[in-house]
N, C-alpha and C. Protein backbone atom coordinates (compact mmCIF):
# COMPACT_ATOMS: atom_id res chain seq x y z
N UNK A 1 -22.60 0.90 -3.38
CA UNK A 1 -22.77 0.79 -4.81
C UNK A 1 -21.59 0.01 -5.38
N UNK A 2 -21.87 -0.96 -6.23
CA UNK A 2 -20.83 -1.80 -6.85
C UNK A 2 -20.85 -1.56 -8.36
N UNK A 3 -19.67 -1.25 -8.91
CA UNK A 3 -19.53 -1.01 -10.34
C UNK A 3 -18.47 -1.96 -10.88
N UNK A 4 -18.80 -2.70 -11.93
CA UNK A 4 -17.80 -3.56 -12.56
C UNK A 4 -17.05 -2.73 -13.59
N UNK A 5 -15.77 -2.42 -13.31
CA UNK A 5 -14.96 -1.60 -14.22
C UNK A 5 -14.62 -2.37 -15.48
N UNK A 6 -14.11 -3.58 -15.32
CA UNK A 6 -13.88 -4.54 -16.40
C UNK A 6 -14.15 -5.90 -15.79
N UNK A 7 -14.24 -6.94 -16.61
CA UNK A 7 -14.53 -8.27 -16.09
C UNK A 7 -13.51 -8.65 -15.01
N UNK A 8 -14.01 -8.94 -13.82
CA UNK A 8 -13.16 -9.36 -12.72
C UNK A 8 -12.62 -8.22 -11.87
N UNK A 9 -12.92 -6.96 -12.25
CA UNK A 9 -12.45 -5.80 -11.48
C UNK A 9 -13.67 -4.98 -11.07
N UNK A 10 -13.90 -4.95 -9.76
CA UNK A 10 -15.08 -4.26 -9.24
C UNK A 10 -14.68 -3.07 -8.38
N UNK A 11 -15.48 -2.04 -8.45
CA UNK A 11 -15.33 -0.85 -7.62
C UNK A 11 -16.52 -0.81 -6.68
N UNK A 12 -16.24 -0.82 -5.39
CA UNK A 12 -17.30 -0.70 -4.39
C UNK A 12 -17.19 0.69 -3.76
N UNK A 13 -18.28 1.43 -3.77
CA UNK A 13 -18.31 2.76 -3.18
C UNK A 13 -19.29 2.74 -2.02
N UNK A 14 -18.80 3.15 -0.87
CA UNK A 14 -19.63 3.22 0.33
C UNK A 14 -19.62 4.67 0.80
N UNK A 15 -20.60 5.46 0.35
CA UNK A 15 -20.61 6.87 0.74
C UNK A 15 -20.94 7.03 2.22
N UNK A 16 -20.31 8.06 2.82
CA UNK A 16 -20.56 8.34 4.23
C UNK A 16 -20.23 9.80 4.51
N UNK A 17 -21.03 10.45 5.30
CA UNK A 17 -20.74 11.81 5.73
C UNK A 17 -20.26 11.79 7.18
N UNK A 18 -20.04 10.61 7.70
CA UNK A 18 -19.71 10.39 9.10
C UNK A 18 -18.24 10.72 9.42
N UNK A 19 -17.36 10.63 8.42
CA UNK A 19 -15.93 10.77 8.68
C UNK A 19 -15.34 11.94 7.93
N UNK A 20 -14.19 12.43 8.41
CA UNK A 20 -13.48 13.54 7.78
C UNK A 20 -12.40 13.04 6.84
N UNK A 21 -12.29 11.72 6.71
CA UNK A 21 -11.29 11.12 5.84
C UNK A 21 -11.97 10.22 4.81
N UNK A 22 -11.22 9.94 3.76
CA UNK A 22 -11.65 8.98 2.74
C UNK A 22 -10.68 7.82 2.78
N UNK A 23 -11.18 6.60 2.65
CA UNK A 23 -10.34 5.41 2.59
C UNK A 23 -10.49 4.78 1.20
N UNK A 24 -9.34 4.47 0.62
CA UNK A 24 -9.31 3.69 -0.61
C UNK A 24 -8.70 2.36 -0.23
N UNK A 25 -9.40 1.29 -0.57
CA UNK A 25 -8.98 -0.06 -0.20
C UNK A 25 -8.96 -0.90 -1.47
N UNK A 26 -7.80 -1.45 -1.78
CA UNK A 26 -7.62 -2.25 -3.01
C UNK A 26 -7.23 -3.66 -2.61
N UNK A 27 -7.92 -4.66 -3.18
CA UNK A 27 -7.60 -6.07 -2.91
C UNK A 27 -7.30 -6.79 -4.22
N UNK A 28 -6.21 -7.53 -4.22
CA UNK A 28 -5.88 -8.43 -5.32
C UNK A 28 -6.13 -9.84 -4.81
N UNK A 29 -7.08 -10.53 -5.41
CA UNK A 29 -7.52 -11.84 -4.92
C UNK A 29 -7.05 -12.91 -5.89
N UNK A 30 -6.50 -13.99 -5.34
CA UNK A 30 -6.03 -15.10 -6.18
C UNK A 30 -6.28 -16.42 -5.48
N UNK A 31 -6.68 -17.41 -6.26
CA UNK A 31 -6.81 -18.77 -5.76
C UNK A 31 -5.39 -19.34 -5.68
N UNK A 32 -4.96 -19.68 -4.48
CA UNK A 32 -3.59 -20.13 -4.24
C UNK A 32 -3.49 -21.64 -4.41
N UNK A 33 -2.45 -22.05 -5.14
CA UNK A 33 -2.30 -23.47 -5.45
C UNK A 33 -1.14 -24.14 -4.72
N UNK A 34 -0.27 -23.34 -4.07
CA UNK A 34 0.86 -23.95 -3.36
C UNK A 34 1.29 -23.06 -2.19
N UNK A 35 1.98 -23.69 -1.23
CA UNK A 35 2.51 -22.93 -0.09
C UNK A 35 3.56 -21.94 -0.54
N UNK A 36 4.33 -22.30 -1.56
CA UNK A 36 5.36 -21.42 -2.09
C UNK A 36 4.72 -20.14 -2.63
N UNK A 37 3.66 -20.29 -3.39
CA UNK A 37 2.96 -19.13 -3.94
C UNK A 37 2.38 -18.26 -2.83
N UNK A 38 1.86 -18.90 -1.80
CA UNK A 38 1.32 -18.18 -0.64
C UNK A 38 2.40 -17.32 0.01
N UNK A 39 3.57 -17.90 0.22
CA UNK A 39 4.69 -17.18 0.84
C UNK A 39 5.20 -16.05 -0.06
N UNK A 40 5.31 -16.32 -1.36
CA UNK A 40 5.79 -15.30 -2.28
C UNK A 40 4.87 -14.08 -2.31
N UNK A 41 3.57 -14.32 -2.31
CA UNK A 41 2.62 -13.21 -2.33
C UNK A 41 2.64 -12.43 -1.02
N UNK A 42 2.87 -13.10 0.09
CA UNK A 42 2.97 -12.41 1.38
C UNK A 42 4.21 -11.50 1.39
N UNK A 43 5.32 -12.01 0.88
CA UNK A 43 6.54 -11.20 0.79
C UNK A 43 6.33 -10.03 -0.17
N UNK A 44 5.65 -10.27 -1.27
CA UNK A 44 5.39 -9.23 -2.25
C UNK A 44 4.64 -8.05 -1.61
N UNK A 45 3.64 -8.34 -0.82
CA UNK A 45 2.87 -7.28 -0.16
C UNK A 45 3.79 -6.43 0.72
N UNK A 46 4.70 -7.08 1.44
CA UNK A 46 5.64 -6.33 2.29
C UNK A 46 6.60 -5.49 1.46
N UNK A 47 7.13 -6.06 0.37
CA UNK A 47 8.05 -5.33 -0.50
C UNK A 47 7.38 -4.08 -1.07
N UNK A 48 6.17 -4.27 -1.59
CA UNK A 48 5.48 -3.16 -2.24
C UNK A 48 5.16 -2.03 -1.26
N UNK A 49 4.89 -2.37 -0.02
CA UNK A 49 4.58 -1.36 0.99
C UNK A 49 5.82 -0.53 1.36
N UNK A 50 7.00 -1.12 1.24
CA UNK A 50 8.22 -0.49 1.74
C UNK A 50 8.88 0.48 0.78
N UNK A 51 8.73 0.29 -0.54
CA UNK A 51 9.51 1.09 -1.47
C UNK A 51 8.98 0.98 -2.89
N UNK A 52 9.42 1.91 -3.71
CA UNK A 52 9.11 1.87 -5.14
C UNK A 52 10.23 2.61 -5.87
N UNK A 53 10.14 2.70 -7.19
CA UNK A 53 11.18 3.41 -7.94
C UNK A 53 11.29 4.87 -7.50
N UNK A 54 10.18 5.56 -7.32
CA UNK A 54 10.20 6.98 -6.94
C UNK A 54 10.30 7.21 -5.44
N UNK A 55 10.03 6.18 -4.66
CA UNK A 55 10.14 6.26 -3.20
C UNK A 55 10.98 5.06 -2.73
N UNK A 56 12.31 5.14 -2.92
CA UNK A 56 13.15 3.96 -2.67
C UNK A 56 13.37 3.60 -1.21
N UNK A 57 12.97 4.46 -0.28
CA UNK A 57 13.13 4.13 1.13
C UNK A 57 11.82 4.40 1.87
N UNK A 58 11.73 3.85 3.06
CA UNK A 58 10.55 4.09 3.88
C UNK A 58 10.46 5.56 4.29
N UNK A 59 11.59 6.21 4.40
CA UNK A 59 11.61 7.64 4.73
C UNK A 59 10.97 8.44 3.59
N UNK A 60 11.28 8.06 2.34
CA UNK A 60 10.68 8.74 1.19
C UNK A 60 9.16 8.57 1.18
N UNK A 61 8.70 7.37 1.51
CA UNK A 61 7.26 7.13 1.57
C UNK A 61 6.64 7.96 2.70
N UNK A 62 7.30 7.99 3.85
CA UNK A 62 6.79 8.77 4.98
C UNK A 62 6.71 10.26 4.63
N UNK A 63 7.71 10.76 3.92
CA UNK A 63 7.69 12.18 3.50
C UNK A 63 6.50 12.45 2.58
N UNK A 64 6.28 11.55 1.64
CA UNK A 64 5.16 11.74 0.70
C UNK A 64 3.83 11.72 1.45
N UNK A 65 3.66 10.78 2.37
CA UNK A 65 2.43 10.72 3.15
C UNK A 65 2.26 11.99 3.98
N UNK A 66 3.34 12.51 4.49
CA UNK A 66 3.30 13.75 5.26
C UNK A 66 2.87 14.92 4.37
N UNK A 67 3.37 14.96 3.14
CA UNK A 67 2.99 16.01 2.19
C UNK A 67 1.49 15.95 1.86
N UNK A 68 0.93 14.76 1.99
CA UNK A 68 -0.52 14.59 1.76
C UNK A 68 -1.27 14.72 3.09
N UNK A 69 -0.80 15.66 3.93
CA UNK A 69 -1.44 15.99 5.21
C UNK A 69 -1.58 14.79 6.14
N UNK A 70 -0.53 13.98 6.18
CA UNK A 70 -0.52 12.87 7.13
C UNK A 70 -1.37 11.68 6.71
N UNK A 71 -1.48 11.46 5.41
CA UNK A 71 -2.22 10.28 4.95
C UNK A 71 -1.57 9.03 5.54
N UNK A 72 -2.37 7.99 5.76
CA UNK A 72 -1.81 6.74 6.27
C UNK A 72 -1.98 5.66 5.21
N UNK A 73 -0.95 4.84 5.08
CA UNK A 73 -0.91 3.83 4.03
C UNK A 73 -0.38 2.53 4.61
N UNK A 74 -0.89 1.42 4.11
CA UNK A 74 -0.38 0.12 4.54
C UNK A 74 -0.84 -0.99 3.62
N UNK A 75 -0.21 -2.13 3.79
CA UNK A 75 -0.61 -3.32 3.05
C UNK A 75 -0.85 -4.44 4.06
N UNK A 76 -1.62 -5.41 3.63
CA UNK A 76 -1.87 -6.58 4.48
C UNK A 76 -2.15 -7.77 3.58
N UNK A 77 -2.08 -8.93 4.17
CA UNK A 77 -2.37 -10.17 3.46
C UNK A 77 -3.41 -10.92 4.27
N UNK A 78 -4.48 -11.34 3.61
CA UNK A 78 -5.54 -12.12 4.24
C UNK A 78 -5.71 -13.41 3.47
N UNK A 79 -6.26 -14.39 4.15
CA UNK A 79 -6.56 -15.66 3.49
C UNK A 79 -7.99 -16.05 3.82
N UNK A 80 -8.73 -16.41 2.79
CA UNK A 80 -10.10 -16.88 2.95
C UNK A 80 -10.24 -18.16 2.15
N UNK A 81 -10.21 -19.27 2.87
CA UNK A 81 -10.25 -20.58 2.19
C UNK A 81 -9.00 -20.74 1.34
N UNK A 82 -9.19 -21.05 0.06
CA UNK A 82 -8.06 -21.20 -0.86
C UNK A 82 -7.64 -19.87 -1.49
N UNK A 83 -8.32 -18.79 -1.13
CA UNK A 83 -8.03 -17.49 -1.72
C UNK A 83 -7.15 -16.66 -0.81
N UNK A 84 -6.19 -15.97 -1.42
CA UNK A 84 -5.35 -15.05 -0.68
C UNK A 84 -5.60 -13.65 -1.24
N UNK A 85 -5.70 -12.69 -0.33
CA UNK A 85 -5.94 -11.31 -0.70
C UNK A 85 -4.72 -10.48 -0.31
N UNK A 86 -4.18 -9.74 -1.27
CA UNK A 86 -3.17 -8.73 -0.97
C UNK A 86 -3.92 -7.41 -0.98
N UNK A 87 -3.90 -6.72 0.16
CA UNK A 87 -4.68 -5.50 0.32
C UNK A 87 -3.77 -4.28 0.46
N UNK A 88 -4.20 -3.19 -0.14
CA UNK A 88 -3.55 -1.89 0.04
C UNK A 88 -4.62 -0.93 0.50
N UNK A 89 -4.28 -0.13 1.50
CA UNK A 89 -5.23 0.80 2.09
C UNK A 89 -4.56 2.15 2.29
N UNK A 90 -5.28 3.21 1.94
CA UNK A 90 -4.78 4.55 2.22
C UNK A 90 -5.93 5.40 2.71
N UNK A 91 -5.69 6.15 3.77
CA UNK A 91 -6.67 7.07 4.33
C UNK A 91 -6.11 8.48 4.18
N UNK A 92 -6.95 9.39 3.68
CA UNK A 92 -6.52 10.78 3.54
C UNK A 92 -7.67 11.71 3.87
N UNK A 93 -7.33 12.94 4.23
CA UNK A 93 -8.32 13.89 4.69
C UNK A 93 -9.13 14.46 3.53
N UNK A 94 -10.40 14.67 3.77
CA UNK A 94 -11.30 15.26 2.78
C UNK A 94 -10.86 16.69 2.46
N UNK A 95 -10.91 17.05 1.19
CA UNK A 95 -10.48 18.38 0.76
C UNK A 95 -11.21 19.53 1.42
N UNK A 96 -12.47 19.34 1.77
CA UNK A 96 -13.24 20.45 2.36
C UNK A 96 -12.71 20.85 3.74
N UNK A 97 -11.87 20.03 4.34
CA UNK A 97 -11.29 20.35 5.64
C UNK A 97 -9.90 20.97 5.51
N UNK A 98 -9.42 21.14 4.28
CA UNK A 98 -8.11 21.71 4.04
C UNK A 98 -8.24 23.16 3.58
N UNK A 99 -7.20 23.94 3.81
CA UNK A 99 -7.19 25.32 3.35
C UNK A 99 -7.32 25.32 1.83
N UNK A 100 -8.24 26.10 1.32
CA UNK A 100 -8.44 26.17 -0.12
C UNK A 100 -9.17 24.97 -0.71
N UNK A 101 -9.76 24.14 0.14
CA UNK A 101 -10.49 22.94 -0.32
C UNK A 101 -9.67 22.08 -1.28
N UNK A 102 -8.39 21.93 -0.99
CA UNK A 102 -7.50 21.14 -1.84
C UNK A 102 -7.97 19.69 -1.91
N UNK A 103 -8.14 19.18 -3.12
CA UNK A 103 -8.58 17.80 -3.31
C UNK A 103 -7.35 16.92 -3.53
N UNK A 104 -7.14 15.95 -2.66
CA UNK A 104 -5.97 15.08 -2.71
C UNK A 104 -6.18 13.82 -3.55
N UNK A 105 -7.39 13.60 -4.04
CA UNK A 105 -7.72 12.34 -4.70
C UNK A 105 -6.71 11.97 -5.80
N UNK A 106 -6.43 12.88 -6.73
CA UNK A 106 -5.50 12.57 -7.84
C UNK A 106 -4.11 12.23 -7.33
N UNK A 107 -3.65 12.98 -6.33
CA UNK A 107 -2.32 12.74 -5.76
C UNK A 107 -2.27 11.37 -5.08
N UNK A 108 -3.33 11.01 -4.38
CA UNK A 108 -3.40 9.72 -3.70
C UNK A 108 -3.41 8.58 -4.72
N UNK A 109 -4.17 8.74 -5.78
CA UNK A 109 -4.23 7.71 -6.84
C UNK A 109 -2.85 7.54 -7.48
N UNK A 110 -2.17 8.64 -7.77
CA UNK A 110 -0.83 8.56 -8.36
C UNK A 110 0.14 7.85 -7.41
N UNK A 111 0.03 8.13 -6.12
CA UNK A 111 0.87 7.45 -5.12
C UNK A 111 0.60 5.95 -5.15
N UNK A 112 -0.66 5.54 -5.13
CA UNK A 112 -0.99 4.11 -5.16
C UNK A 112 -0.49 3.44 -6.44
N UNK A 113 -0.66 4.10 -7.57
CA UNK A 113 -0.16 3.55 -8.83
C UNK A 113 1.35 3.35 -8.77
N UNK A 114 2.06 4.32 -8.21
CA UNK A 114 3.52 4.21 -8.08
C UNK A 114 3.90 3.02 -7.21
N UNK A 115 3.28 2.90 -6.06
CA UNK A 115 3.61 1.83 -5.12
C UNK A 115 3.30 0.45 -5.71
N UNK A 116 2.14 0.30 -6.32
CA UNK A 116 1.70 -1.01 -6.79
C UNK A 116 2.34 -1.41 -8.11
N UNK A 117 2.49 -0.46 -9.04
CA UNK A 117 2.90 -0.82 -10.39
C UNK A 117 4.34 -0.43 -10.75
N UNK A 118 5.07 0.20 -9.82
CA UNK A 118 6.43 0.62 -10.12
C UNK A 118 7.39 0.23 -9.00
N UNK A 119 7.48 -1.07 -8.69
CA UNK A 119 8.33 -1.51 -7.57
C UNK A 119 9.81 -1.40 -7.90
N UNK A 120 10.62 -1.45 -6.86
CA UNK A 120 12.06 -1.56 -7.07
C UNK A 120 12.37 -2.89 -7.74
N UNK A 121 13.46 -2.94 -8.43
CA UNK A 121 13.90 -4.19 -9.05
C UNK A 121 14.27 -5.19 -7.96
N UNK A 122 14.21 -6.48 -8.28
CA UNK A 122 14.45 -7.54 -7.30
C UNK A 122 15.80 -7.38 -6.63
N UNK A 123 16.86 -7.10 -7.38
CA UNK A 123 18.19 -6.92 -6.79
C UNK A 123 18.22 -5.77 -5.80
N UNK A 124 17.54 -4.67 -6.15
CA UNK A 124 17.49 -3.51 -5.25
C UNK A 124 16.72 -3.85 -3.98
N UNK A 125 15.67 -4.63 -4.11
CA UNK A 125 14.87 -5.03 -2.94
C UNK A 125 15.70 -5.91 -2.02
N UNK A 126 16.43 -6.87 -2.59
CA UNK A 126 17.26 -7.75 -1.76
C UNK A 126 18.30 -6.95 -0.99
N UNK A 127 18.93 -5.97 -1.65
CA UNK A 127 19.91 -5.12 -0.99
C UNK A 127 19.26 -4.34 0.14
N UNK A 128 18.08 -3.78 -0.13
CA UNK A 128 17.35 -3.03 0.89
C UNK A 128 16.98 -3.91 2.07
N UNK A 129 16.48 -5.12 1.80
CA UNK A 129 16.08 -6.02 2.88
C UNK A 129 17.29 -6.42 3.74
N UNK A 130 18.42 -6.70 3.11
CA UNK A 130 19.62 -7.04 3.87
C UNK A 130 20.01 -5.88 4.78
N UNK A 131 19.98 -4.66 4.23
CA UNK A 131 20.32 -3.49 5.03
C UNK A 131 19.36 -3.34 6.21
N UNK A 132 18.06 -3.50 5.96
CA UNK A 132 17.08 -3.38 7.03
C UNK A 132 17.30 -4.43 8.11
N UNK A 133 17.58 -5.66 7.69
CA UNK A 133 17.83 -6.73 8.66
C UNK A 133 19.09 -6.46 9.47
N UNK A 134 20.14 -5.99 8.80
CA UNK A 134 21.37 -5.66 9.52
C UNK A 134 21.15 -4.50 10.50
N UNK A 135 20.40 -3.48 10.07
CA UNK A 135 20.09 -2.36 10.95
C UNK A 135 19.31 -2.83 12.17
N UNK A 136 18.34 -3.72 11.94
CA UNK A 136 17.52 -4.23 13.04
C UNK A 136 18.38 -5.03 14.01
N UNK A 137 19.28 -5.88 13.45
CA UNK A 137 20.15 -6.70 14.28
C UNK A 137 21.08 -5.81 15.12
N UNK A 138 21.62 -4.77 14.51
CA UNK A 138 22.48 -3.82 15.22
C UNK A 138 21.71 -3.13 16.34
N UNK A 139 20.50 -2.72 16.06
CA UNK A 139 19.66 -2.05 17.06
C UNK A 139 19.38 -2.99 18.21
N UNK A 140 19.06 -4.25 17.91
CA UNK A 140 18.77 -5.22 18.97
C UNK A 140 19.98 -5.49 19.85
N UNK A 141 21.17 -5.46 19.25
CA UNK A 141 22.39 -5.68 20.02
C UNK A 141 22.67 -4.55 21.00
N UNK A 142 22.18 -3.36 20.68
CA UNK A 142 22.41 -2.19 21.54
C UNK A 142 21.36 -2.07 22.65
N UNK A 143 20.33 -2.84 22.60
CA UNK A 143 19.26 -2.76 23.62
C UNK A 143 19.66 -3.50 24.86
């Protein structure tokens, strides 16, 4: 079932009783006009997946996903012709399989809103990326 929420924003619902989890998949689609824009959007997807104002580290994100009974979250970038898609995906367990039939939908939506619409400031992201690169380089030197 496809529902147009507002012009240019569509909700596709694919009901299934086959799985014990629900997947929410969000795509931001844009006609790309330059290689620079293509690269910037690819980096943006990585930044948004790694941190936000309320979850400033990957450990904080992992803790939150763990609190949501091991939900899995990720971002990806796809290209179709001149269009680039930034995708966000989260899988979480159906409430009927949890003690007390706890429904995680609202919590999952709030998490997605935080990640997508409340990123760290650019300076904070640069500091985080430098730290991650230095940590990776140090780890590689010890191998």
